[in-house]
Protein backbone atom coordinates (compact mmCIF):
# COMPACT_ATOMS: atom_id res chain seq x y z
CA UNK A 1 -14.94 35.20 -31.04
CA UNK A 2 -14.70 31.36 -30.77
CA UNK A 3 -11.04 31.64 -30.52
CA UNK A 4 -11.45 34.15 -27.60
CA UNK A 5 -13.89 31.83 -25.88
CA UNK A 6 -11.35 28.99 -26.03
CA UNK A 7 -8.77 31.03 -24.53
CA UNK A 8 -10.96 32.33 -21.84
CA UNK A 9 -11.92 28.72 -20.92
CA UNK A 10 -8.23 27.78 -20.82
CA UNK A 11 -7.61 30.70 -18.40
CA UNK A 12 -10.30 29.55 -15.98
CA UNK A 13 -9.14 25.92 -16.14
CA UNK A 14 -5.58 27.02 -15.28
CA UNK A 15 -6.82 29.06 -12.33
CA UNK A 16 -8.71 26.08 -10.99
CA UNK A 17 -5.84 23.55 -11.42
CA UNK A 18 -3.34 25.90 -9.80
CA UNK A 19 -5.60 26.81 -6.82
CA UNK A 20 -6.12 23.14 -6.09
CA UNK A 21 -2.63 21.72 -6.83
CA UNK A 22 -0.43 24.61 -5.51
CA UNK A 23 2.39 24.43 -2.92
CA UNK A 24 -0.03 24.29 0.02
CA UNK A 25 -0.24 20.87 1.65
CA UNK A 26 -3.34 20.08 3.81
CA UNK A 27 -2.45 18.64 7.17
CA UNK A 28 -3.88 15.11 7.48
CA UNK A 29 -4.27 12.75 10.39
CA UNK A 30 -3.26 8.96 10.21
CA UNK A 31 -6.53 8.08 8.47
CA UNK A 32 -5.55 10.78 5.67
CA UNK A 33 -8.53 13.04 6.76
CA UNK A 34 -8.04 16.77 6.93
CA UNK A 35 -7.00 18.11 10.31
CA UNK A 36 -9.26 20.93 11.54
CA UNK A 37 -8.75 23.61 14.12
CA UNK A 38 -12.02 22.80 16.11
CA UNK A 39 -12.42 26.29 17.29
CA UNK A 40 -12.38 28.07 13.95
CA UNK A 41 -13.35 25.03 11.61
CA UNK A 42 -10.38 25.89 9.38
CA UNK A 43 -8.44 23.12 7.70
CA UNK A 44 -4.82 23.40 8.75
CA UNK A 45 -1.85 23.47 6.46
CA UNK A 46 1.10 21.02 6.85
CA UNK A 47 3.95 22.91 5.27
CA UNK A 48 3.48 26.23 7.21
CA UNK A 49 6.38 28.65 6.94
CA UNK A 50 6.60 29.78 10.56
CA UNK A 51 5.37 28.64 14.08
CA UNK A 52 1.76 28.89 15.14
CA UNK A 53 1.16 31.63 17.79
CA UNK A 54 -1.92 29.78 19.42
CA UNK A 55 -0.62 27.22 21.85
CA UNK A 56 -3.73 24.98 21.07
CA UNK A 57 -2.86 25.08 17.47
CA UNK A 58 0.71 24.10 18.29
CA UNK A 59 -0.60 21.04 20.17
CA UNK A 60 -2.55 19.91 17.11
CA UNK A 61 0.56 20.06 14.79
CA UNK A 62 2.60 18.23 17.46
CA UNK A 63 -0.06 15.57 17.86
CA UNK A 64 -0.07 15.00 14.08
CA UNK A 65 3.77 14.68 14.17
CA UNK A 66 4.67 18.02 12.47
CA UNK A 67 7.95 19.29 13.72
CA UNK A 68 7.12 22.93 14.42
CA UNK A 69 10.00 23.41 16.84
CA UNK A 70 12.46 23.91 13.83
CA UNK A 71 10.32 26.71 12.52
CA UNK A 72 10.93 30.24 13.25
CA UNK A 73 8.47 32.40 15.10
CA UNK A 74 6.27 34.32 12.59
CA UNK A 75 7.76 37.66 13.84
CA UNK A 76 11.31 36.24 13.03
CA UNK A 77 10.45 34.84 9.65
CA UNK A 78 12.85 35.91 6.90
CA UNK A 79 12.63 35.49 3.09
CA UNK A 80 15.36 32.86 3.18
CA UNK A 81 13.92 30.78 6.13
CA UNK A 82 13.39 27.21 5.63
CA UNK A 83 14.57 24.96 2.89
CA UNK A 84 14.43 25.70 -0.90
CA UNK A 85 11.05 24.75 -2.41
CA UNK A 86 11.27 26.05 -5.84
CA UNK A 87 11.13 29.36 -7.84
CA UNK A 88 7.49 29.96 -7.17
CA UNK A 89 7.84 29.80 -3.42
CA UNK A 90 11.18 31.71 -3.35
CA UNK A 91 10.23 34.43 -5.60
CA UNK A 92 6.55 34.91 -4.70
CA UNK A 93 5.27 33.12 -1.49
CA UNK A 94 8.11 33.78 0.89
CA UNK A 95 8.66 37.46 -0.09
CA UNK A 96 4.98 38.12 0.12
CA UNK A 97 4.55 36.33 3.52
CA UNK A 98 7.45 38.31 4.83
CA UNK A 99 5.98 41.66 3.76
CA UNK A 100 2.58 40.84 5.25
CA UNK A 101 4.12 39.63 8.56
CA UNK A 102 6.42 42.75 9.03
CA UNK A 103 3.81 45.26 8.09
CA UNK A 104 1.18 43.45 10.18
CA UNK A 105 3.41 43.65 13.15
CA UNK A 106 4.03 47.37 12.63
CA UNK A 107 0.14 47.76 12.40
CA UNK A 108 -0.14 46.15 15.89
CA UNK A 109 -0.77 42.61 14.53
CA UNK A 110 -3.42 43.58 12.17
CA UNK A 111 -2.75 41.31 9.40
CA UNK A 112 -5.98 41.99 7.49
CA UNK A 113 -5.05 45.59 7.14
CA UNK A 114 -1.47 44.67 6.10
CA UNK A 115 -2.96 42.51 3.28
CA UNK A 116 -5.18 45.31 2.11
CA UNK A 117 -2.34 47.90 2.11
CA UNK A 118 0.04 45.45 0.35
CA UNK A 119 -2.68 44.67 -2.23
CA UNK A 120 -3.17 48.30 -3.07
CA UNK A 121 0.76 48.83 -3.37
CA UNK A 122 0.80 45.91 -5.87
CA UNK A 123 -2.00 47.25 -7.78
CA UNK A 124 -0.45 50.69 -7.82
CA UNK A 125 2.78 49.32 -9.25
CA UNK A 126 0.72 47.41 -11.90
CA UNK A 127 -1.38 50.55 -12.69
CA UNK A 128 0.52 51.47 -15.95
CA UNK A 129 -0.48 48.08 -17.40
CA UNK A 130 -3.99 47.64 -16.02
CA UNK A 131 -4.79 51.18 -17.15
CA UNK A 132 -4.54 50.05 -20.75
CA UNK A 133 -7.42 47.53 -20.03
CA UNK A 134 -9.54 50.18 -18.31
CA UNK A 135 -9.24 52.53 -21.38
CA UNK A 136 -10.80 49.91 -23.63
CA UNK A 137 -14.32 50.70 -22.22
CA UNK A 138 -13.78 54.26 -23.25
CA UNK A 139 -12.41 53.41 -26.73
CA UNK A 140 -15.28 51.12 -27.52
CA UNK A 141 -17.81 53.89 -27.01
CA UNK A 142 -16.25 55.91 -29.79
CA UNK A 143 -16.26 52.79 -32.12
CA UNK A 144 -19.74 51.57 -31.03
CA UNK A 145 -21.69 53.38 -33.77
CA UNK A 146 -19.51 51.86 -36.55
CA UNK A 147 -19.50 48.40 -35.03
CA UNK A 148 -23.24 48.52 -34.71
CA UNK A 149 -23.48 49.39 -38.42
CA UNK A 150 -21.44 46.40 -39.30
CA UNK A 151 -23.23 44.10 -37.13
CA UNK A 152 -26.67 45.33 -38.69
CA UNK A 153 -25.15 44.82 -42.15
CA UNK A 154 -24.46 41.14 -41.65
CA UNK A 155 -27.32 40.42 -39.10
CA UNK A 156 -29.12 37.86 -41.21
CA UNK A 157 -26.13 36.55 -43.20
CA UNK A 158 -24.77 33.26 -41.60
CA UNK A 159 -22.69 32.08 -44.64
CA UNK A 160 -18.88 31.79 -44.18
CA UNK A 161 -17.97 34.40 -46.60
CA UNK A 162 -20.16 36.99 -45.01
CA UNK A 163 -18.94 36.09 -41.45
CA UNK A 164 -15.37 36.39 -42.65
CA UNK A 165 -16.09 39.75 -44.17
CA UNK A 166 -17.83 40.98 -40.96
CA UNK A 167 -14.88 39.96 -38.85
CA UNK A 168 -12.44 41.69 -41.16
CA UNK A 169 -14.45 44.93 -41.01
CA UNK A 170 -14.81 44.80 -37.37
CA UNK A 171 -11.01 44.16 -37.06
CA UNK A 172 -10.40 47.22 -39.13
CA UNK A 173 -12.50 49.39 -36.68
CA UNK A 174 -10.55 47.93 -33.76
CA UNK A 175 -7.47 48.91 -35.33
CA UNK A 176 -8.61 52.35 -36.08
CA UNK A 177 -9.56 53.11 -32.60
CA UNK A 178 -6.69 51.09 -31.00
CA UNK A 179 -8.90 48.47 -29.55
CA UNK A 180 -7.61 45.12 -28.53
CA UNK A 181 -10.33 42.39 -28.50
CA UNK A 182 -8.39 40.35 -26.08
CA UNK A 183 -7.79 43.13 -23.67
CA UNK A 184 -10.46 42.04 -21.17
CA UNK A 185 -8.36 38.90 -20.63
CA UNK A 186 -5.35 40.98 -19.60
CA UNK A 187 -7.19 41.80 -16.25
CA UNK A 188 -7.86 38.09 -15.63
CA UNK A 189 -4.21 36.98 -16.43
CA UNK A 190 -2.73 39.74 -14.24
CA UNK A 191 -5.11 38.78 -11.24
CA UNK A 192 -4.48 35.04 -11.56
CA UNK A 193 -0.79 34.77 -10.30
CA UNK A 194 -1.48 37.39 -7.65
CA UNK A 195 -4.49 35.60 -6.43
CA UNK A 196 -2.61 32.30 -6.20
CA UNK A 197 0.32 33.94 -4.53
CA UNK A 198 -1.96 35.57 -1.75
CA UNK A 199 -3.83 32.12 -1.39
CA UNK A 200 -0.59 30.36 -0.74
CA UNK A 201 0.87 33.08 1.69
CA UNK A 202 -2.42 33.22 3.71
CA UNK A 203 -2.59 29.39 3.99
CA UNK A 204 1.00 28.95 4.88
CA UNK A 205 1.41 31.71 7.41
CA UNK A 206 -0.12 31.15 10.92
CA UNK A 207 0.30 34.73 11.89
CA UNK A 208 -2.13 35.56 9.15
CA UNK A 209 -4.69 32.68 9.14
CA UNK A 210 -4.86 32.83 12.97
CA UNK A 211 -5.72 36.52 12.76
CA UNK A 212 -9.14 38.21 13.19
CA UNK A 213 -10.73 41.23 11.45
CA UNK A 214 -14.18 42.71 12.07
CA UNK A 215 -15.52 39.39 13.11
CA UNK A 216 -13.85 37.32 10.37
CA UNK A 217 -11.27 34.58 11.16
CA UNK A 218 -8.78 35.22 8.48
CA UNK A 219 -8.09 31.52 7.78
CA UNK A 220 -11.64 30.37 7.93
CA UNK A 221 -13.81 30.01 4.71
CA UNK A 222 -17.27 31.66 4.52
CA UNK A 223 -18.99 28.33 4.17
CA UNK A 224 -17.56 27.36 7.61
CA UNK A 225 -17.86 30.83 9.10
CA UNK A 226 -21.67 30.74 8.30
CA UNK A 227 -22.21 28.36 11.22
CA UNK A 228 -20.34 30.64 13.89
CA UNK A 229 -21.57 33.32 16.00
CA UNK A 230 -20.18 35.87 13.70
CA UNK A 231 -22.16 34.73 10.65
CA UNK A 232 -23.15 38.39 9.75
CA UNK A 233 -19.50 39.27 9.19
CA UNK A 234 -19.19 36.39 6.64
CA UNK A 235 -22.48 37.29 4.96
CA UNK A 236 -21.32 40.99 4.47
CA UNK A 237 -18.02 39.57 3.03
CA UNK A 238 -19.77 37.50 0.39
CA UNK A 239 -22.22 40.35 -0.55
CA UNK A 240 -19.10 42.62 -1.02
CA UNK A 241 -17.44 39.94 -3.08
CA UNK A 242 -20.57 39.42 -5.29
CA UNK A 243 -21.15 43.15 -5.79
CA UNK A 244 -17.61 44.32 -6.51
CA UNK A 245 -16.83 41.22 -8.68
CA UNK A 246 -19.76 41.70 -11.00
CA UNK A 247 -19.10 45.49 -11.33
CA UNK A 248 -15.35 45.14 -11.89
CA UNK A 249 -15.77 42.27 -14.34
CA UNK A 250 -18.50 44.24 -16.22
CA UNK A 251 -16.24 47.29 -16.63
CA UNK A 252 -13.15 45.22 -17.70
CA UNK A 253 -15.29 43.00 -20.22
CA UNK A 254 -16.93 46.00 -22.02
CA UNK A 255 -14.41 45.69 -24.85
CA UNK A 256 -15.59 42.06 -25.41
CA UNK A 257 -19.32 42.49 -25.05
CA UNK A 258 -20.21 43.29 -28.74
CA UNK A 259 -21.26 39.67 -29.27
CA UNK A 260 -24.58 38.98 -27.77
CA UNK A 261 -23.23 35.72 -26.28
CA UNK A 262 -20.51 37.65 -24.43
CA UNK A 263 -22.78 39.92 -22.58
CA UNK A 264 -23.43 37.29 -19.96
CA UNK A 265 -19.83 36.70 -19.34
CA UNK A 266 -19.55 39.20 -16.38
CA UNK A 267 -22.44 37.39 -14.68
CA UNK A 268 -20.96 34.00 -15.42
CA UNK A 269 -17.61 34.91 -14.11
CA UNK A 270 -19.09 36.61 -11.05
CA UNK A 271 -20.96 33.39 -10.26
CA UNK A 272 -17.75 31.32 -10.57
CA UNK A 273 -15.71 33.64 -8.32
CA UNK A 274 -18.44 33.72 -5.67
CA UNK A 275 -18.68 29.94 -5.50
CA UNK A 276 -14.86 29.62 -5.26
CA UNK A 277 -14.88 32.47 -2.59
CA UNK A 278 -17.25 30.28 -0.37
CA UNK A 279 -14.31 27.69 -0.04
CA UNK A 280 -11.36 30.21 0.34
CA UNK A 281 -10.00 31.83 3.41
CA UNK A 282 -11.79 35.06 4.37
CA UNK A 283 -8.26 36.75 4.13
CA UNK A 284 -8.45 36.09 0.36
CA UNK A 285 -11.99 37.47 0.08
CA UNK A 286 -10.69 40.67 1.68
CA UNK A 287 -7.91 40.76 -0.90
CA UNK A 288 -10.34 40.13 -3.75
CA UNK A 289 -12.85 42.97 -2.58
CA UNK A 290 -9.77 45.27 -2.25
CA UNK A 291 -8.57 44.73 -5.81
CA UNK A 292 -12.09 44.95 -7.10
CA UNK A 293 -12.60 48.36 -5.54
CA UNK A 294 -9.19 49.48 -6.76
CA UNK A 295 -10.44 48.42 -10.37
CA UNK A 296 -13.62 50.41 -10.08
CA UNK A 297 -11.85 53.44 -8.80
CA UNK A 298 -9.12 53.06 -11.68
CA UNK A 299 -11.98 52.96 -14.24
CA UNK A 300 -13.60 56.10 -12.85
CA UNK A 301 -10.19 57.98 -13.11
CA UNK A 302 -9.72 56.76 -16.60
CA UNK A 303 -13.24 57.94 -17.63
CA UNK A 304 -12.77 61.28 -16.00
CA UNK A 305 -9.42 61.75 -17.62
CA UNK A 306 -10.88 60.93 -21.11
CA UNK A 307 -13.69 63.48 -20.52
CA UNK A 308 -11.35 66.00 -19.45
CA UNK A 309 -9.13 65.55 -22.43
CA UNK A 310 -12.01 65.54 -24.79
CA UNK A 311 -13.17 68.92 -23.50
CA UNK A 312 -9.78 70.47 -23.69
């Protein structure tokens, strides 16, 4: 279990590092202070992929000596537009931005809806892999009586030999029922590169971060949005993030909550995500809620499938 905790901490640290040191470069003035769009309160990105649509935003970039005239209009953006910036941008960021833009245009410039649809398409493609994680909660229910007996057997034994025997007996049960103790991490590891890719795509694509959806400015963070006239929309977004994050993590961590110390992990993870979401673009919050709802729906399908097969 200690080994699991160490790996879990490593995953979180990697997430935080990548989110703060990715490809996105914040636009700064001559005093190295972040440049904001005064209308939305959003920190602007320097290395955008296409030209801003809003003329006032264009003026801000030109004032800060960013040559946006060489950039294509977002509607004309292509996967190979601009210079080569490395494999991460070439394989993930530009293709994702291209898809978000093109579908958004088809949807009459509704880039939030485009983000939701593409998020769902990606999760459907990944379904065969994430389904294995969802199945763990059902497998653990079958194994729970045997695991409880083992835990009670060694409840008051803290010597190294007893702890080793307990671990061996529990691993034998895991093997018997096909349970992977690290399966809960699979969900986090799959989410991580997708979260970073969507973050980069949103921050570097003006067509997206200038867009609006149900009172939300897609490029504006909730912590900034709380001071705007549409504060209710940002509050609702945060409530949805909190509720769906907690429930989806709880479902996916079921296979790892046999240890009493791990039962608080869904709550701890939810708290970290909620804090991070306060300082992320609202578009990313919409993505996160969408994937969480997909996860919940996926778990419901798996549970019903197991029940149906059990009755057959």
